[in-house]
All heavy atoms as atom14 arrays in JSON, in Angstrom:
{
  "sequence": "ARIGGLRKPAQQILGSDIAGRIESAGRSVK",
  "atom14_mask": [
    [1, 1, 1, 1, 1, 0, 0, 0, 0, 0, 0, 0, 0, 0],
    [1, 1, 1, 1, 1, 1, 1, 1, 1, 1, 1, 0, 0, 0],
    [1, 1, 1, 1, 1, 1, 1, 1, 0, 0, 0, 0, 0, 0],
    [1, 1, 1, 1, 0, 0, 0, 0, 0, 0, 0, 0, 0, 0],
    [1, 1, 1, 1, 0, 0, 0, 0, 0, 0, 0, 0, 0, 0],
    [1, 1, 1, 1, 1, 1, 1, 1, 0, 0, 0, 0, 0, 0],
    [1, 1, 1, 1, 1, 1, 1, 1, 1, 1, 1, 0, 0, 0],
    [1, 1, 1, 1, 1, 1, 1, 1, 1, 0, 0, 0, 0, 0],
    [1, 1, 1, 1, 1, 1, 1, 0, 0, 0, 0, 0, 0, 0],
    [1, 1, 1, 1, 1, 0, 0, 0, 0, 0, 0, 0, 0, 0],
    [1, 1, 1, 1, 1, 1, 1, 1, 1, 0, 0, 0, 0, 0],
    [1, 1, 1, 1, 1, 1, 1, 1, 1, 0, 0, 0, 0, 0],
    [1, 1, 1, 1, 1, 1, 1, 1, 0, 0, 0, 0, 0, 0],
    [1, 1, 1, 1, 1, 1, 1, 1, 0, 0, 0, 0, 0, 0],
    [1, 1, 1, 1, 0, 0, 0, 0, 0, 0, 0, 0, 0, 0],
    [1, 1, 1, 1, 1, 1, 0, 0, 0, 0, 0, 0, 0, 0],
    [1, 1, 1, 1, 1, 1, 1, 1, 0, 0, 0, 0, 0, 0],
    [1, 1, 1, 1, 1, 1, 1, 1, 0, 0, 0, 0, 0, 0],
    [1, 1, 1, 1, 1, 0, 0, 0, 0, 0, 0, 0, 0, 0],
    [1, 1, 1, 1, 0, 0, 0, 0, 0, 0, 0, 0, 0, 0],
    [1, 1, 1, 1, 1, 1, 1, 1, 1, 1, 1, 0, 0, 0],
    [1, 1, 1, 1, 1, 1, 1, 1, 0, 0, 0, 0, 0, 0],
    [1, 1, 1, 1, 1, 1, 1, 1, 1, 0, 0, 0, 0, 0],
    [1, 1, 1, 1, 1, 1, 0, 0, 0, 0, 0, 0, 0, 0],
    [1, 1, 1, 1, 1, 0, 0, 0, 0, 0, 0, 0, 0, 0],
    [1, 1, 1, 1, 0, 0, 0, 0, 0, 0, 0, 0, 0, 0],
    [1, 1, 1, 1, 1, 1, 1, 1, 1, 1, 1, 0, 0, 0],
    [1, 1, 1, 1, 1, 1, 0, 0, 0, 0, 0, 0, 0, 0],
    [1, 1, 1, 1, 1, 1, 1, 0, 0, 0, 0, 0, 0, 0],
    [1, 1, 1, 1, 1, 1, 1, 1, 1, 0, 0, 0, 0, 0]
  ],
  "atom14_positions": [
    [[86.03, 100.57, 182.89], [86.99, 99.53, 183.27], [88.02, 100.05, 184.27], [88.74, 99.26, 184.89], [87.7, 99.0, 182.03], [0.0, 0.0, 0.0], [0.0, 0.0, 0.0], [0.0, 0.0, 0.0], [0.0, 0.0, 0.0], [0.0, 0.0, 0.0], [0.0, 0.0, 0.0], [0.0, 0.0, 0.0], [0.0, 0.0, 0.0], [0.0, 0.0, 0.0]],
    [[88.1, 101.37, 184.44], [89.07, 101.96, 185.35], [88.48, 102.3, 186.72], [89.13, 102.98, 187.52], [89.67, 103.22, 184.73], [90.43, 102.94, 183.43], [91.14, 104.19, 182.92], [91.84, 103.93, 181.68], [93.1, 104.3, 181.43], [93.78, 104.96, 182.37], [93.65, 104.04, 180.27], [0.0, 0.0, 0.0], [0.0, 0.0, 0.0], [0.0, 0.0, 0.0]],
    [[87.27, 101.86, 186.98], [86.67, 102.1, 188.28], [87.55, 101.48, 189.37], [87.89, 100.3, 189.34], [85.24, 101.51, 188.35], [84.32, 102.28, 187.4], [84.7, 101.56, 189.78], [82.92, 101.71, 187.31], [0.0, 0.0, 0.0], [0.0, 0.0, 0.0], [0.0, 0.0, 0.0], [0.0, 0.0, 0.0], [0.0, 0.0, 0.0], [0.0, 0.0, 0.0]],
    [[87.93, 102.3, 190.32], [88.81, 101.85, 191.4], [90.28, 102.05, 191.09], [91.12, 101.92, 191.99], [0.0, 0.0, 0.0], [0.0, 0.0, 0.0], [0.0, 0.0, 0.0], [0.0, 0.0, 0.0], [0.0, 0.0, 0.0], [0.0, 0.0, 0.0], [0.0, 0.0, 0.0], [0.0, 0.0, 0.0], [0.0, 0.0, 0.0], [0.0, 0.0, 0.0]],
    [[90.61, 102.36, 189.85], [92.01, 102.58, 189.47], [92.09, 103.42, 188.21], [92.29, 102.9, 187.12], [0.0, 0.0, 0.0], [0.0, 0.0, 0.0], [0.0, 0.0, 0.0], [0.0, 0.0, 0.0], [0.0, 0.0, 0.0], [0.0, 0.0, 0.0], [0.0, 0.0, 0.0], [0.0, 0.0, 0.0], [0.0, 0.0, 0.0], [0.0, 0.0, 0.0]],
    [[91.92, 104.73, 188.36], [91.84, 105.6, 187.19], [93.15, 105.65, 186.41], [93.15, 105.59, 185.18], [91.45, 107.02, 187.63], [91.18, 108.01, 186.51], [90.04, 107.53, 185.62], [90.85, 109.4, 187.07], [0.0, 0.0, 0.0], [0.0, 0.0, 0.0], [0.0, 0.0, 0.0], [0.0, 0.0, 0.0], [0.0, 0.0, 0.0], [0.0, 0.0, 0.0]],
    [[94.3, 105.75, 187.11], [95.58, 105.89, 186.42], [96.34, 104.57, 186.28], [97.11, 104.38, 185.34], [96.45, 106.91, 187.16], [95.88, 108.32, 187.13], [96.87, 109.33, 187.65], [96.36, 110.69, 187.55], [97.05, 111.77, 187.86], [98.31, 111.64, 188.31], [96.51, 112.97, 187.74], [0.0, 0.0, 0.0], [0.0, 0.0, 0.0], [0.0, 0.0, 0.0]],
    [[96.14, 103.67, 187.21], [96.77, 102.35, 187.12], [95.83, 101.31, 187.7], [94.97, 101.65, 188.53], [98.13, 102.33, 187.84], [98.07, 102.6, 189.33], [99.47, 102.56, 189.92], [99.42, 102.77, 191.43], [100.78, 102.71, 192.03], [0.0, 0.0, 0.0], [0.0, 0.0, 0.0], [0.0, 0.0, 0.0], [0.0, 0.0, 0.0], [0.0, 0.0, 0.0]],
    [[95.96, 100.08, 187.31], [95.0, 99.05, 187.73], [94.98, 98.84, 189.24], [96.04, 98.7, 189.87], [95.49, 97.79, 187.02], [96.35, 98.28, 185.91], [96.98, 99.54, 186.39], [0.0, 0.0, 0.0], [0.0, 0.0, 0.0], [0.0, 0.0, 0.0], [0.0, 0.0, 0.0], [0.0, 0.0, 0.0], [0.0, 0.0, 0.0], [0.0, 0.0, 0.0]],
    [[93.79, 98.83, 189.8], [93.67, 98.49, 191.22], [93.9, 97.01, 191.44], [94.43, 96.59, 192.47], [92.28, 98.9, 191.72], [0.0, 0.0, 0.0], [0.0, 0.0, 0.0], [0.0, 0.0, 0.0], [0.0, 0.0, 0.0], [0.0, 0.0, 0.0], [0.0, 0.0, 0.0], [0.0, 0.0, 0.0], [0.0, 0.0, 0.0], [0.0, 0.0, 0.0]],
    [[93.49, 96.2, 190.45], [93.69, 94.74, 190.49], [94.85, 94.41, 189.58], [94.77, 94.6, 188.37], [92.41, 94.04, 190.04], [92.52, 92.54, 189.81], [92.89, 91.77, 191.06], [94.07, 91.49, 191.29], [91.89, 91.45, 191.86], [0.0, 0.0, 0.0], [0.0, 0.0, 0.0], [0.0, 0.0, 0.0], [0.0, 0.0, 0.0], [0.0, 0.0, 0.0]],
    [[95.94, 93.91, 190.12], [97.13, 93.66, 189.32], [97.15, 92.28, 188.67], [98.03, 92.0, 187.85], [98.39, 93.84, 190.18], [98.66, 95.27, 190.59], [100.06, 95.48, 191.13], [100.75, 94.52, 191.48], [100.48, 96.72, 191.22], [0.0, 0.0, 0.0], [0.0, 0.0, 0.0], [0.0, 0.0, 0.0], [0.0, 0.0, 0.0], [0.0, 0.0, 0.0]],
    [[96.22, 91.42, 189.04], [96.13, 90.1, 188.43], [94.75, 89.96, 187.8], [93.74, 90.01, 188.49], [96.36, 88.97, 189.46], [97.71, 89.14, 190.15], [96.28, 87.61, 188.78], [97.96, 88.12, 191.25], [0.0, 0.0, 0.0], [0.0, 0.0, 0.0], [0.0, 0.0, 0.0], [0.0, 0.0, 0.0], [0.0, 0.0, 0.0], [0.0, 0.0, 0.0]],
    [[94.7, 89.82, 186.5], [93.44, 89.64, 185.79], [92.95, 88.19, 185.95], [93.63, 87.35, 186.52], [93.62, 89.97, 184.32], [93.98, 91.43, 183.99], [94.37, 91.55, 182.52], [92.83, 92.35, 184.32], [0.0, 0.0, 0.0], [0.0, 0.0, 0.0], [0.0, 0.0, 0.0], [0.0, 0.0, 0.0], [0.0, 0.0, 0.0], [0.0, 0.0, 0.0]],
    [[91.78, 87.92, 185.39], [91.24, 86.56, 185.41], [90.12, 86.4, 186.4], [90.37, 86.37, 187.6], [0.0, 0.0, 0.0], [0.0, 0.0, 0.0], [0.0, 0.0, 0.0], [0.0, 0.0, 0.0], [0.0, 0.0, 0.0], [0.0, 0.0, 0.0], [0.0, 0.0, 0.0], [0.0, 0.0, 0.0], [0.0, 0.0, 0.0], [0.0, 0.0, 0.0]],
    [[88.88, 86.28, 185.91], [87.73, 86.21, 186.82], [87.17, 84.81, 186.97], [86.58, 84.48, 187.99], [86.62, 87.14, 186.32], [86.17, 86.74, 185.04], [0.0, 0.0, 0.0], [0.0, 0.0, 0.0], [0.0, 0.0, 0.0], [0.0, 0.0, 0.0], [0.0, 0.0, 0.0], [0.0, 0.0, 0.0], [0.0, 0.0, 0.0], [0.0, 0.0, 0.0]],
    [[87.35, 83.97, 185.94], [86.75, 82.63, 185.96], [87.8, 81.59, 186.3], [88.81, 81.47, 185.6], [86.18, 82.28, 184.58], [85.0, 83.14, 184.2], [84.64, 84.04, 184.97], [84.43, 82.91, 183.11], [0.0, 0.0, 0.0], [0.0, 0.0, 0.0], [0.0, 0.0, 0.0], [0.0, 0.0, 0.0], [0.0, 0.0, 0.0], [0.0, 0.0, 0.0]],
    [[87.56, 80.83, 187.34], [88.54, 79.81, 187.75], [87.87, 78.47, 188.01], [86.67, 78.38, 188.27], [89.3, 80.23, 189.02], [88.33, 80.39, 190.2], [90.1, 81.5, 188.8], [88.96, 80.22, 191.57], [0.0, 0.0, 0.0], [0.0, 0.0, 0.0], [0.0, 0.0, 0.0], [0.0, 0.0, 0.0], [0.0, 0.0, 0.0], [0.0, 0.0, 0.0]],
    [[88.7, 77.43, 187.96], [88.31, 76.11, 188.44], [89.55, 75.51, 189.07], [90.66, 75.66, 188.55], [87.82, 75.23, 187.29], [0.0, 0.0, 0.0], [0.0, 0.0, 0.0], [0.0, 0.0, 0.0], [0.0, 0.0, 0.0], [0.0, 0.0, 0.0], [0.0, 0.0, 0.0], [0.0, 0.0, 0.0], [0.0, 0.0, 0.0], [0.0, 0.0, 0.0]],
    [[89.37, 74.87, 190.22], [90.53, 74.31, 190.89], [90.15, 73.51, 192.12], [88.99, 73.14, 192.32], [0.0, 0.0, 0.0], [0.0, 0.0, 0.0], [0.0, 0.0, 0.0], [0.0, 0.0, 0.0], [0.0, 0.0, 0.0], [0.0, 0.0, 0.0], [0.0, 0.0, 0.0], [0.0, 0.0, 0.0], [0.0, 0.0, 0.0], [0.0, 0.0, 0.0]],
    [[91.16, 73.26, 192.93], [90.98, 72.42, 194.11], [91.29, 73.23, 195.37], [92.31, 73.93, 195.43], [91.9, 71.21, 194.01], [91.66, 70.12, 195.05], [92.5, 68.9, 194.78], [92.03, 68.17, 193.59], [92.66, 68.18, 192.41], [93.78, 68.88, 192.25], [92.18, 67.51, 191.39], [0.0, 0.0, 0.0], [0.0, 0.0, 0.0], [0.0, 0.0, 0.0]],
    [[90.42, 73.14, 196.36], [90.61, 73.9, 197.6], [91.78, 73.32, 198.38], [91.84, 72.11, 198.65], [89.34, 73.89, 198.46], [88.22, 74.66, 197.74], [89.6, 74.51, 199.83], [86.9, 74.64, 198.48], [0.0, 0.0, 0.0], [0.0, 0.0, 0.0], [0.0, 0.0, 0.0], [0.0, 0.0, 0.0], [0.0, 0.0, 0.0], [0.0, 0.0, 0.0]],
    [[92.7, 74.21, 198.76], [93.85, 73.79, 199.56], [93.64, 74.03, 201.05], [94.07, 73.24, 201.89], [95.11, 74.52, 199.08], [96.37, 74.04, 199.77], [97.63, 74.49, 199.05], [97.94, 73.93, 197.98], [98.3, 75.4, 199.57], [0.0, 0.0, 0.0], [0.0, 0.0, 0.0], [0.0, 0.0, 0.0], [0.0, 0.0, 0.0], [0.0, 0.0, 0.0]],
    [[92.97, 75.12, 201.4], [92.66, 75.41, 202.8], [91.45, 76.32, 202.87], [91.09, 76.96, 201.88], [93.85, 76.06, 203.5], [94.16, 77.32, 202.91], [0.0, 0.0, 0.0], [0.0, 0.0, 0.0], [0.0, 0.0, 0.0], [0.0, 0.0, 0.0], [0.0, 0.0, 0.0], [0.0, 0.0, 0.0], [0.0, 0.0, 0.0], [0.0, 0.0, 0.0]],
    [[90.82, 76.36, 204.04], [89.6, 77.15, 204.21], [89.67, 77.99, 205.47], [90.24, 77.56, 206.49], [88.38, 76.23, 204.25], [0.0, 0.0, 0.0], [0.0, 0.0, 0.0], [0.0, 0.0, 0.0], [0.0, 0.0, 0.0], [0.0, 0.0, 0.0], [0.0, 0.0, 0.0], [0.0, 0.0, 0.0], [0.0, 0.0, 0.0], [0.0, 0.0, 0.0]],
    [[89.07, 79.19, 205.43], [88.99, 80.05, 206.6], [88.06, 79.45, 207.64], [87.23, 78.6, 207.34], [0.0, 0.0, 0.0], [0.0, 0.0, 0.0], [0.0, 0.0, 0.0], [0.0, 0.0, 0.0], [0.0, 0.0, 0.0], [0.0, 0.0, 0.0], [0.0, 0.0, 0.0], [0.0, 0.0, 0.0], [0.0, 0.0, 0.0], [0.0, 0.0, 0.0]],
    [[88.18, 79.95, 208.86], [87.45, 79.32, 209.97], [85.94, 79.53, 209.9], [85.17, 78.79, 210.54], [87.97, 79.87, 211.3], [87.82, 81.36, 211.49], [88.47, 81.79, 212.79], [88.34, 83.23, 213.01], [88.86, 83.86, 214.06], [89.58, 83.17, 214.95], [88.69, 85.16, 214.21], [0.0, 0.0, 0.0], [0.0, 0.0, 0.0], [0.0, 0.0, 0.0]],
    [[85.46, 80.51, 209.11], [84.02, 80.74, 208.99], [83.39, 79.97, 207.84], [82.17, 80.0, 207.66], [83.74, 82.24, 208.81], [84.2, 82.97, 209.93], [0.0, 0.0, 0.0], [0.0, 0.0, 0.0], [0.0, 0.0, 0.0], [0.0, 0.0, 0.0], [0.0, 0.0, 0.0], [0.0, 0.0, 0.0], [0.0, 0.0, 0.0], [0.0, 0.0, 0.0]],
    [[84.2, 79.29, 207.06], [83.69, 78.56, 205.9], [82.97, 77.29, 206.38], [83.52, 76.51, 207.16], [84.84, 78.2, 204.94], [84.35, 77.28, 203.83], [85.45, 79.47, 204.36], [0.0, 0.0, 0.0], [0.0, 0.0, 0.0], [0.0, 0.0, 0.0], [0.0, 0.0, 0.0], [0.0, 0.0, 0.0], [0.0, 0.0, 0.0], [0.0, 0.0, 0.0]],
    [[81.74, 77.1, 205.91], [80.92, 75.98, 206.37], [80.67, 74.92, 205.3], [80.64, 73.73, 205.58], [79.55, 76.5, 206.87], [79.63, 77.57, 207.94], [80.27, 77.04, 209.22], [80.24, 78.11, 210.31], [80.95, 77.66, 211.54], [0.0, 0.0, 0.0], [0.0, 0.0, 0.0], [0.0, 0.0, 0.0], [0.0, 0.0, 0.0], [0.0, 0.0, 0.0]]
  ]
}
């Protein structure tokens, strides 16, 4: 679980599963 952050979390915000509404999209999004 510490891959990428041995001493402290590399990802500071947990939560992998989401559902929501798109507010904006990058220019390569099709």
